[in-house]
Amino acid sequence: LEFQTAVDVVHEFEHLYTDKKIDKVEVVYNNFRSAILQTVLVEQLLPLVPELPEGDTHFLDYIYEPSQIELFEMLLGKHLNMQMWKVLLDSNAAEQAARMAAMENATQKARELIDELILQRNRARQTQITTEISEIVSGAAALEG
């Protein structure tokens, strides 16, 4: 997994978006919460949706240098690259956690199967030994009687 992968994906959908071939970019991915919990998330990357603080109804008008538009254009690509990188890392971590859980389950099932097979083998061996002892005792009794 390389950062360049995220950059390449962003480059593709940025061109489609700016050429008006698509009007929205959403990503659907597995979000890593913990080793046993991964959730599917849908996030919109484009167009950007501003997140306003709750209860804050007034805006401060700052003076930006360079202008707000220039600053936005400079940061948009970096923001999208980092968002896509986060998506790729989360998906990768979720996949590894799911694989780990599957392997743990498979290992546990294999242990249970081994225990069951050992028990079956011991029962068969015990039955065979009991049969042999019974035959020996019967043969000895026949010789005596």
C-alpha atoms as a PDB file:
ATOM      1  CA  LEU A   1       0.000   0.000   0.000  1.00  0.00           C
ATOM      2  CA  GLU A   2       1.551   3.246  -1.121  1.00  0.00           C
ATOM      3  CA  PHE A   3       0.534   6.888  -0.814  1.00  0.00           C
ATOM      4  CA  GLN A   4       0.944   7.230  -4.578  1.00  0.00           C
ATOM      5  CA  THR A   5      -2.067   4.927  -4.992  1.00  0.00           C
ATOM      6  CA  ALA A   6      -4.231   7.468  -3.169  1.00  0.00           C
ATOM      7  CA  VAL A   7      -2.789  10.302  -5.259  1.00  0.00           C
ATOM      8  CA  ASP A   8      -3.526   8.408  -8.496  1.00  0.00           C
ATOM      9  CA  VAL A   9      -7.130   7.689  -7.478  1.00  0.00           C
ATOM     10  CA  VAL A  10      -7.703  11.324  -6.482  1.00  0.00           C
ATOM     11  CA  HIS A  11      -6.164  12.505  -9.751  1.00  0.00           C
ATOM     12  CA  GLU A  12      -8.641  10.356 -11.703  1.00  0.00           C
ATOM     13  CA  PHE A  13     -11.790  11.499  -9.931  1.00  0.00           C
ATOM     14  CA  GLU A  14     -10.630  15.137  -9.793  1.00  0.00           C
ATOM     15  CA  HIS A  15     -10.444  15.196 -13.589  1.00  0.00           C
ATOM     16  CA  LEU A  16     -13.847  13.546 -13.938  1.00  0.00           C
ATOM     17  CA  TYR A  17     -15.313  16.041 -11.473  1.00  0.00           C
ATOM     18  CA  THR A  18     -13.758  19.160 -13.018  1.00  0.00           C
ATOM     19  CA  ASP A  19     -14.774  17.994 -16.517  1.00  0.00           C
ATOM     20  CA  LYS A  20     -18.352  17.698 -15.193  1.00  0.00           C
ATOM     21  CA  LYS A  21     -18.516  13.994 -16.108  1.00  0.00           C
ATOM     22  CA  ILE A  22     -19.525  13.247 -12.527  1.00  0.00           C
ATOM     23  CA  ASP A  23     -21.243  15.542 -10.052  1.00  0.00           C
ATOM     24  CA  LYS A  24     -20.341  13.807  -6.807  1.00  0.00           C
ATOM     25  CA  VAL A  25     -17.568  11.612  -5.417  1.00  0.00           C
ATOM     26  CA  GLU A  26     -18.401   9.258  -2.573  1.00  0.00           C
ATOM     27  CA  VAL A  27     -16.266   6.496  -1.142  1.00  0.00           C
ATOM     28  CA  VAL A  28     -17.628   3.351   0.464  1.00  0.00           C
ATOM     29  CA  TYR A  29     -15.113   1.555   2.648  1.00  0.00           C
ATOM     30  CA  ASN A  30     -14.599  -0.602   5.717  1.00  0.00           C
ATOM     31  CA  ASN A  31     -13.751   1.585   8.675  1.00  0.00           C
ATOM     32  CA  PHE A  32     -11.420  -0.023  11.204  1.00  0.00           C
ATOM     33  CA  ARG A  33     -12.821   0.396  14.717  1.00  0.00           C
ATOM     34  CA  SER A  34     -11.071  -2.468  16.515  1.00  0.00           C
ATOM     35  CA  ALA A  35      -9.713  -5.939  15.843  1.00  0.00           C
ATOM     36  CA  ILE A  36     -13.230  -7.350  16.162  1.00  0.00           C
ATOM     37  CA  LEU A  37     -15.296  -4.470  14.778  1.00  0.00           C
ATOM     38  CA  GLN A  38     -15.214  -2.980  11.301  1.00  0.00           C
ATOM     39  CA  THR A  39     -18.055  -0.863   9.958  1.00  0.00           C
ATOM     40  CA  VAL A  40     -18.966   0.151   6.422  1.00  0.00           C
ATOM     41  CA  LEU A  41     -18.887   3.916   5.911  1.00  0.00           C
ATOM     42  CA  VAL A  42     -19.953   6.159   3.048  1.00  0.00           C
ATOM     43  CA  GLU A  43     -18.206   9.529   2.856  1.00  0.00           C
ATOM     44  CA  GLN A  44     -18.649  12.293   0.322  1.00  0.00           C
ATOM     45  CA  LEU A  45     -15.356  13.714  -0.922  1.00  0.00           C
ATOM     46  CA  LEU A  46     -16.659  16.069  -3.612  1.00  0.00           C
ATOM     47  CA  PRO A  47     -18.274  18.501  -3.558  1.00  0.00           C
ATOM     48  CA  LEU A  48     -16.938  19.492  -0.179  1.00  0.00           C
ATOM     49  CA  VAL A  49     -19.575  19.897   2.493  1.00  0.00           C
ATOM     50  CA  PRO A  50     -18.628  22.589   5.016  1.00  0.00           C
ATOM     51  CA  GLU A  51     -18.898  21.545   8.633  1.00  0.00           C
ATOM     52  CA  LEU A  52     -20.165  24.425  10.734  1.00  0.00           C
ATOM     53  CA  PRO A  53     -19.754  24.450  14.499  1.00  0.00           C
ATOM     54  CA  GLU A  54     -23.033  23.870  16.336  1.00  0.00           C
ATOM     55  CA  GLY A  55     -24.673  27.007  17.688  1.00  0.00           C
ATOM     56  CA  ASP A  56     -22.253  29.322  15.884  1.00  0.00           C
ATOM     57  CA  THR A  57     -24.399  31.576  13.701  1.00  0.00           C
ATOM     58  CA  HIS A  58     -21.887  34.323  12.975  1.00  0.00           C
ATOM     59  CA  PHE A  59     -18.825  34.119  10.827  1.00  0.00           C
ATOM     60  CA  LEU A  60     -15.619  36.057  11.196  1.00  0.00           C
ATOM     61  CA  ASP A  61     -14.403  37.519   7.955  1.00  0.00           C
ATOM     62  CA  TYR A  62     -10.643  37.019   7.865  1.00  0.00           C
ATOM     63  CA  ILE A  63      -8.274  38.525   5.358  1.00  0.00           C
ATOM     64  CA  TYR A  64      -6.348  35.750   3.633  1.00  0.00           C
ATOM     65  CA  GLU A  65      -3.030  36.034   1.871  1.00  0.00           C
ATOM     66  CA  PRO A  66      -3.089  34.511  -0.723  1.00  0.00           C
ATOM     67  CA  SER A  67      -6.790  34.957  -1.432  1.00  0.00           C
ATOM     68  CA  GLN A  68      -9.360  32.482  -0.142  1.00  0.00           C
ATOM     69  CA  ILE A  69      -9.790  30.994  -3.610  1.00  0.00           C
ATOM     70  CA  GLU A  70      -6.037  30.560  -4.152  1.00  0.00           C
ATOM     71  CA  LEU A  71      -5.658  29.041  -0.690  1.00  0.00           C
ATOM     72  CA  PHE A  72      -8.587  26.715  -1.314  1.00  0.00           C
ATOM     73  CA  GLU A  73      -7.142  25.575  -4.653  1.00  0.00           C
ATOM     74  CA  MET A  74      -3.731  24.946  -3.046  1.00  0.00           C
ATOM     75  CA  LEU A  75      -5.166  22.905  -0.187  1.00  0.00           C
ATOM     76  CA  LEU A  76      -7.934  21.002  -1.986  1.00  0.00           C
ATOM     77  CA  GLY A  77      -5.613  18.494  -3.656  1.00  0.00           C
ATOM     78  CA  LYS A  78      -3.712  17.863  -0.425  1.00  0.00           C
ATOM     79  CA  HIS A  79      -6.963  17.443   1.492  1.00  0.00           C
ATOM     80  CA  LEU A  80      -8.373  14.955  -1.027  1.00  0.00           C
ATOM     81  CA  ASN A  81      -5.096  13.004  -1.136  1.00  0.00           C
ATOM     82  CA  MET A  82      -5.091  12.685   2.654  1.00  0.00           C
ATOM     83  CA  GLN A  83      -8.775  11.709   2.761  1.00  0.00           C
ATOM     84  CA  MET A  84      -8.178   8.971   0.177  1.00  0.00           C
ATOM     85  CA  TRP A  85      -5.036   7.828   2.027  1.00  0.00           C
ATOM     86  CA  LYS A  86      -7.109   7.566   5.224  1.00  0.00           C
ATOM     87  CA  VAL A  87      -9.740   5.514   3.361  1.00  0.00           C
ATOM     88  CA  LEU A  88      -7.088   3.146   1.988  1.00  0.00           C
ATOM     89  CA  LEU A  89      -5.391   2.734   5.375  1.00  0.00           C
ATOM     90  CA  ASP A  90      -8.705   2.142   7.160  1.00  0.00           C
ATOM     91  CA  SER A  91      -9.768  -0.421   4.567  1.00  0.00           C
ATOM     92  CA  ASN A  92      -6.425  -2.177   4.774  1.00  0.00           C
ATOM     93  CA  ALA A  93      -6.513  -2.291   8.590  1.00  0.00           C
ATOM     94  CA  ALA A  94     -10.108  -3.565   8.530  1.00  0.00           C
ATOM     95  CA  GLU A  95      -9.162  -6.272   6.026  1.00  0.00           C
ATOM     96  CA  GLN A  96      -6.201  -7.393   8.133  1.00  0.00           C
ATOM     97  CA  ALA A  97      -8.373  -7.480  11.268  1.00  0.00           C
ATOM     98  CA  ALA A  98     -11.021  -9.538   9.475  1.00  0.00           C
ATOM     99  CA  ARG A  99      -8.351 -11.950   8.219  1.00  0.00           C
ATOM    100  CA  MET A 100      -6.905 -12.228  11.714  1.00  0.00           C
ATOM    101  CA  ALA A 101     -10.335 -13.002  13.178  1.00  0.00           C
ATOM    102  CA  ALA A 102     -10.994 -15.592  10.454  1.00  0.00           C
ATOM    103  CA  MET A 103      -7.637 -17.255  11.121  1.00  0.00           C
ATOM    104  CA  GLU A 104      -8.293 -17.309  14.880  1.00  0.00           C
ATOM    105  CA  ASN A 105     -11.675 -18.961  14.257  1.00  0.00           C
ATOM    106  CA  ALA A 106     -10.117 -21.480  11.874  1.00  0.00           C
ATOM    107  CA  THR A 107      -7.372 -22.267  14.394  1.00  0.00           C
ATOM    108  CA  GLN A 108      -9.928 -22.800  17.163  1.00  0.00           C
ATOM    109  CA  LYS A 109     -12.030 -25.088  14.942  1.00  0.00           C
ATOM    110  CA  ALA A 110      -8.903 -27.059  13.986  1.00  0.00           C
ATOM    111  CA  ARG A 111      -8.009 -27.511  17.675  1.00  0.00           C
ATOM    112  CA  GLU A 112     -11.527 -28.746  18.419  1.00  0.00           C
ATOM    113  CA  LEU A 113     -11.350 -31.164  15.468  1.00  0.00           C
ATOM    114  CA  ILE A 114      -7.955 -32.472  16.628  1.00  0.00           C
ATOM    115  CA  ASP A 115      -9.309 -33.026  20.145  1.00  0.00           C
ATOM    116  CA  GLU A 116     -12.320 -34.907  18.736  1.00  0.00           C
ATOM    117  CA  LEU A 117     -10.120 -37.077  16.503  1.00  0.00           C
ATOM    118  CA  ILE A 118      -7.788 -37.912  19.413  1.00  0.00           C
ATOM    119  CA  LEU A 119     -10.815 -38.921  21.479  1.00  0.00           C
ATOM    120  CA  GLN A 120     -12.107 -41.153  18.646  1.00  0.00           C
ATOM    121  CA  ARG A 121      -8.672 -42.738  18.222  1.00  0.00           C
ATOM    122  CA  ASN A 122      -8.401 -43.423  21.972  1.00  0.00           C
ATOM    123  CA  ARG A 123     -11.877 -45.005  22.014  1.00  0.00           C
ATOM    124  CA  ALA A 124     -11.030 -47.234  19.043  1.00  0.00           C
ATOM    125  CA  ARG A 125      -7.735 -48.240  20.647  1.00  0.00           C
ATOM    126  CA  GLN A 126      -9.471 -48.962  23.955  1.00  0.00           C
ATOM    127  CA  THR A 127     -12.080 -51.095  22.167  1.00  0.00           C
ATOM    128  CA  GLN A 128      -9.345 -53.021  20.333  1.00  0.00           C
ATOM    129  CA  ILE A 129      -7.375 -53.631  23.559  1.00  0.00           C
ATOM    130  CA  THR A 130     -10.531 -54.713  25.393  1.00  0.00           C
ATOM    131  CA  THR A 131     -11.362 -57.139  22.561  1.00  0.00           C
ATOM    132  CA  GLU A 132      -7.841 -58.603  22.602  1.00  0.00           C
ATOM    133  CA  ILE A 133      -7.886 -59.031  26.403  1.00  0.00           C
ATOM    134  CA  SER A 134     -11.319 -60.645  26.167  1.00  0.00           C
ATOM    135  CA  GLU A 135     -10.053 -63.078  23.516  1.00  0.00           C
ATOM    136  CA  ILE A 136      -6.995 -63.964  25.622  1.00  0.00           C
ATOM    137  CA  VAL A 137      -9.111 -64.535  28.743  1.00  0.00           C
ATOM    138  CA  SER A 138     -11.609 -66.617  26.751  1.00  0.00           C
ATOM    139  CA  GLY A 139      -8.799 -68.682  25.247  1.00  0.00           C
ATOM    140  CA  ALA A 140      -7.205 -69.250  28.662  1.00  0.00           C
ATOM    141  CA  ALA A 141     -10.570 -70.228  30.146  1.00  0.00           C
ATOM    142  CA  ALA A 142     -11.157 -72.691  27.301  1.00  0.00           C
ATOM    143  CA  LEU A 143      -7.758 -74.276  27.885  1.00  0.00           C
ATOM    144  CA  GLU A 144      -8.422 -74.641  31.618  1.00  0.00           C
ATOM    145  CA  GLY A 145     -11.902 -75.942  31.295  1.00  0.00           C
END
